[in-house]
N, C-alpha and C. Protein backbone atom coordinates (compact mmCIF):
# COMPACT_ATOMS: atom_id res chain seq x y z
N MET A 1 53.93 52.39 75.65
CA MET A 1 53.41 52.14 76.97
C MET A 1 51.89 52.14 76.88
N GLY A 2 51.30 51.08 77.41
CA GLY A 2 49.85 50.96 77.37
C GLY A 2 49.19 51.70 78.51
N GLU A 3 47.87 51.73 78.44
CA GLU A 3 47.10 52.41 79.47
C GLU A 3 45.78 51.68 79.66
N LEU A 4 45.40 51.47 80.91
CA LEU A 4 44.13 50.84 81.26
C LEU A 4 43.53 51.57 82.44
N THR A 5 42.22 51.47 82.57
CA THR A 5 41.60 51.97 83.79
C THR A 5 41.85 50.95 84.90
N VAL A 6 41.73 51.39 86.13
CA VAL A 6 41.89 50.48 87.27
C VAL A 6 40.85 49.37 87.18
N SER A 7 39.64 49.70 86.78
CA SER A 7 38.58 48.68 86.64
C SER A 7 38.95 47.64 85.60
N GLN A 8 39.47 48.07 84.47
CA GLN A 8 39.90 47.12 83.43
C GLN A 8 41.02 46.24 83.94
N ALA A 9 41.95 46.81 84.65
CA ALA A 9 43.07 46.04 85.20
C ALA A 9 42.56 45.01 86.19
N ARG A 10 41.63 45.40 87.04
CA ARG A 10 41.07 44.49 88.04
C ARG A 10 40.39 43.30 87.35
N GLU A 11 39.64 43.57 86.30
CA GLU A 11 38.91 42.51 85.59
C GLU A 11 39.85 41.56 84.85
N ASN A 12 41.02 42.04 84.45
CA ASN A 12 41.94 41.24 83.63
C ASN A 12 43.34 41.19 84.23
N LEU A 13 43.45 41.06 85.54
CA LEU A 13 44.75 41.17 86.19
C LEU A 13 45.75 40.13 85.70
N ALA A 14 45.34 38.86 85.62
CA ALA A 14 46.27 37.81 85.18
C ALA A 14 46.76 38.09 83.76
N GLU A 15 45.85 38.49 82.89
CA GLU A 15 46.23 38.81 81.50
C GLU A 15 47.16 40.02 81.46
N LEU A 16 46.88 41.02 82.28
CA LEU A 16 47.72 42.21 82.34
C LEU A 16 49.14 41.85 82.76
N ILE A 17 49.26 41.01 83.79
CA ILE A 17 50.58 40.60 84.26
C ILE A 17 51.31 39.80 83.19
N ASP A 18 50.63 38.85 82.57
CA ASP A 18 51.25 38.05 81.51
C ASP A 18 51.72 38.94 80.36
N SER A 19 50.88 39.87 79.96
CA SER A 19 51.22 40.76 78.84
C SER A 19 52.43 41.63 79.18
N THR A 20 52.46 42.13 80.39
CA THR A 20 53.58 42.98 80.82
C THR A 20 54.88 42.19 80.85
N GLN A 21 54.81 40.94 81.32
CA GLN A 21 56.01 40.11 81.35
C GLN A 21 56.49 39.77 79.95
N ARG A 22 55.56 39.46 79.05
CA ARG A 22 55.93 39.11 77.68
C ARG A 22 56.55 40.29 76.94
N SER A 23 55.88 41.43 77.00
CA SER A 23 56.31 42.58 76.20
C SER A 23 57.40 43.41 76.88
N GLY A 24 57.44 43.36 78.19
CA GLY A 24 58.38 44.21 78.91
C GLY A 24 57.93 45.66 78.98
N GLU A 25 56.77 45.94 78.42
CA GLU A 25 56.25 47.31 78.39
C GLU A 25 55.40 47.60 79.62
N PRO A 26 55.64 48.71 80.29
CA PRO A 26 54.81 49.08 81.43
C PRO A 26 53.41 49.49 80.99
N VAL A 27 52.45 49.37 81.89
CA VAL A 27 51.08 49.78 81.63
C VAL A 27 50.67 50.77 82.72
N VAL A 28 50.19 51.92 82.29
CA VAL A 28 49.73 52.95 83.22
C VAL A 28 48.28 52.67 83.57
N LEU A 29 47.97 52.67 84.86
CA LEU A 29 46.60 52.50 85.31
C LEU A 29 46.03 53.87 85.65
N THR A 30 44.81 54.11 85.18
CA THR A 30 44.19 55.41 85.40
C THR A 30 42.90 55.27 86.19
N ARG A 31 42.57 56.34 86.89
CA ARG A 31 41.29 56.44 87.60
C ARG A 31 40.75 57.82 87.29
N HIS A 32 39.56 57.86 86.74
CA HIS A 32 38.93 59.13 86.34
C HIS A 32 39.83 59.90 85.38
N GLY A 33 40.51 59.16 84.50
CA GLY A 33 41.35 59.77 83.48
C GLY A 33 42.72 60.22 83.93
N ARG A 34 43.03 60.00 85.21
CA ARG A 34 44.33 60.43 85.73
C ARG A 34 45.20 59.21 86.06
N PRO A 35 46.48 59.27 85.73
CA PRO A 35 47.38 58.15 86.06
C PRO A 35 47.51 58.00 87.58
N VAL A 36 47.38 56.74 88.05
CA VAL A 36 47.48 56.49 89.49
C VAL A 36 48.50 55.42 89.85
N ALA A 37 48.87 54.59 88.87
CA ALA A 37 49.83 53.51 89.14
C ALA A 37 50.40 53.01 87.83
N VAL A 38 51.47 52.23 87.95
CA VAL A 38 52.09 51.61 86.78
C VAL A 38 52.35 50.15 87.10
N VAL A 39 52.02 49.28 86.16
CA VAL A 39 52.34 47.86 86.27
C VAL A 39 53.52 47.62 85.34
N LEU A 40 54.60 47.04 85.89
CA LEU A 40 55.75 46.76 85.05
C LEU A 40 56.42 45.47 85.47
N ASP A 41 57.19 44.92 84.56
CA ASP A 41 57.94 43.70 84.77
C ASP A 41 58.89 43.89 85.95
N HIS A 42 59.05 42.86 86.79
CA HIS A 42 59.88 42.98 87.99
C HIS A 42 61.33 43.31 87.65
N ALA A 43 61.88 42.74 86.60
CA ALA A 43 63.27 43.03 86.22
C ALA A 43 63.43 44.52 85.89
N HIS A 44 62.44 45.08 85.22
CA HIS A 44 62.47 46.51 84.89
C HIS A 44 62.41 47.33 86.18
N PHE A 45 61.56 46.92 87.11
CA PHE A 45 61.47 47.59 88.41
C PHE A 45 62.82 47.59 89.11
N GLU A 46 63.49 46.43 89.13
CA GLU A 46 64.80 46.33 89.78
C GLU A 46 65.82 47.27 89.13
N GLN A 47 65.77 47.39 87.80
CA GLN A 47 66.66 48.30 87.09
C GLN A 47 66.40 49.75 87.50
N LEU A 48 65.13 50.10 87.62
CA LEU A 48 64.78 51.46 88.02
C LEU A 48 65.24 51.76 89.45
N VAL A 49 65.08 50.80 90.34
CA VAL A 49 65.53 50.98 91.73
C VAL A 49 67.04 51.15 91.77
N ALA A 50 67.76 50.32 91.02
CA ALA A 50 69.22 50.42 90.99
C ALA A 50 69.66 51.77 90.43
N ALA A 51 69.00 52.23 89.38
CA ALA A 51 69.35 53.53 88.78
C ALA A 51 69.06 54.67 89.76
N ALA A 52 67.96 54.58 90.48
CA ALA A 52 67.63 55.61 91.47
C ALA A 52 68.65 55.62 92.60
N ASP A 53 69.04 54.43 93.05
CA ASP A 53 70.06 54.34 94.11
C ASP A 53 71.38 54.96 93.66
N GLU A 54 71.77 54.65 92.43
CA GLU A 54 73.03 55.19 91.90
C GLU A 54 72.96 56.71 91.80
N ALA A 55 71.83 57.22 91.33
CA ALA A 55 71.67 58.67 91.22
C ALA A 55 71.72 59.33 92.60
N SER A 56 71.12 58.68 93.57
CA SER A 56 71.14 59.20 94.94
C SER A 56 72.56 59.21 95.50
N ASP A 57 73.31 58.14 95.22
CA ASP A 57 74.70 58.07 95.67
C ASP A 57 75.53 59.18 95.04
N ARG A 58 75.33 59.40 93.75
CA ARG A 58 76.07 60.47 93.06
C ARG A 58 75.75 61.84 93.65
N LYS A 59 74.47 62.04 93.94
CA LYS A 59 74.05 63.32 94.51
C LYS A 59 74.68 63.51 95.89
N ALA A 60 74.69 62.46 96.69
CA ALA A 60 75.29 62.55 98.03
C ALA A 60 76.78 62.82 97.94
N LEU A 61 77.45 62.17 96.98
CA LEU A 61 78.88 62.39 96.80
C LEU A 61 79.15 63.84 96.39
N ALA A 62 78.38 64.33 95.45
CA ALA A 62 78.55 65.72 95.00
C ALA A 62 78.31 66.69 96.15
N GLN A 63 77.30 66.41 96.97
CA GLN A 63 77.01 67.28 98.11
C GLN A 63 78.14 67.24 99.13
N ALA A 64 78.67 66.05 99.41
CA ALA A 64 79.78 65.92 100.36
C ALA A 64 81.00 66.69 99.87
N ARG A 65 81.26 66.58 98.57
CA ARG A 65 82.40 67.31 98.01
C ARG A 65 82.18 68.82 98.12
N ALA A 66 80.96 69.25 97.84
CA ALA A 66 80.65 70.68 97.90
C ALA A 66 80.74 71.20 99.34
N ASP A 67 80.37 70.35 100.29
CA ASP A 67 80.41 70.74 101.71
C ASP A 67 81.82 70.65 102.29
N GLY A 68 82.72 70.04 101.54
CA GLY A 68 84.07 69.86 102.04
C GLY A 68 84.19 68.72 103.04
N ASP A 69 83.18 67.85 103.08
CA ASP A 69 83.18 66.72 104.01
C ASP A 69 83.95 65.53 103.45
N THR A 70 85.16 65.76 103.02
CA THR A 70 85.96 64.69 102.45
C THR A 70 87.21 64.47 103.30
N VAL A 71 87.74 63.28 103.19
CA VAL A 71 88.98 62.93 103.89
C VAL A 71 89.95 62.45 102.82
N PRO A 72 91.14 63.00 102.78
CA PRO A 72 92.11 62.56 101.77
C PRO A 72 92.39 61.06 101.89
N TRP A 73 92.59 60.40 100.76
CA TRP A 73 92.83 58.97 100.71
C TRP A 73 94.02 58.57 101.59
N GLU A 74 95.06 59.35 101.57
CA GLU A 74 96.23 59.04 102.40
C GLU A 74 95.86 59.03 103.89
N GLN A 75 94.98 59.93 104.29
CA GLN A 75 94.54 59.97 105.69
C GLN A 75 93.71 58.74 106.03
N VAL A 76 92.85 58.31 105.12
CA VAL A 76 92.04 57.11 105.34
C VAL A 76 92.95 55.90 105.54
N LYS A 77 93.94 55.76 104.65
CA LYS A 77 94.87 54.63 104.78
C LYS A 77 95.62 54.69 106.10
N ALA A 78 96.05 55.88 106.50
CA ALA A 78 96.77 56.02 107.77
C ALA A 78 95.86 55.67 108.94
N ASP A 79 94.63 56.14 108.91
CA ASP A 79 93.68 55.85 109.99
C ASP A 79 93.39 54.36 110.12
N LEU A 80 93.44 53.65 109.00
CA LEU A 80 93.18 52.21 109.01
C LEU A 80 94.44 51.38 109.20
N GLY A 81 95.56 52.06 109.37
CA GLY A 81 96.82 51.35 109.57
C GLY A 81 97.32 50.64 108.33
N LEU A 82 97.01 51.18 107.19
CA LEU A 82 97.40 50.55 105.92
C LEU A 82 98.68 51.14 105.34
N LEU A 83 99.27 52.08 106.02
CA LEU A 83 100.52 52.68 105.52
C LEU A 83 101.72 52.06 106.16
């Protein structure tokens, strides 16, 4: 993973985008030596969003199970008139 200052990124934005798309490697942007943003390929971004959504869904499912907020499958089918 590369690293650039925000000023360097601003001066070479088109090149930064092209490089990120070609390599698929994210680039960390820093300001005063601290990371402030990341530039990454859009496909990689979509993968990260999908993974975060899936993790959130799993967490919600685990919490619902722990809370006892579940409905038996047979009851769902009966409620929907599928039996």
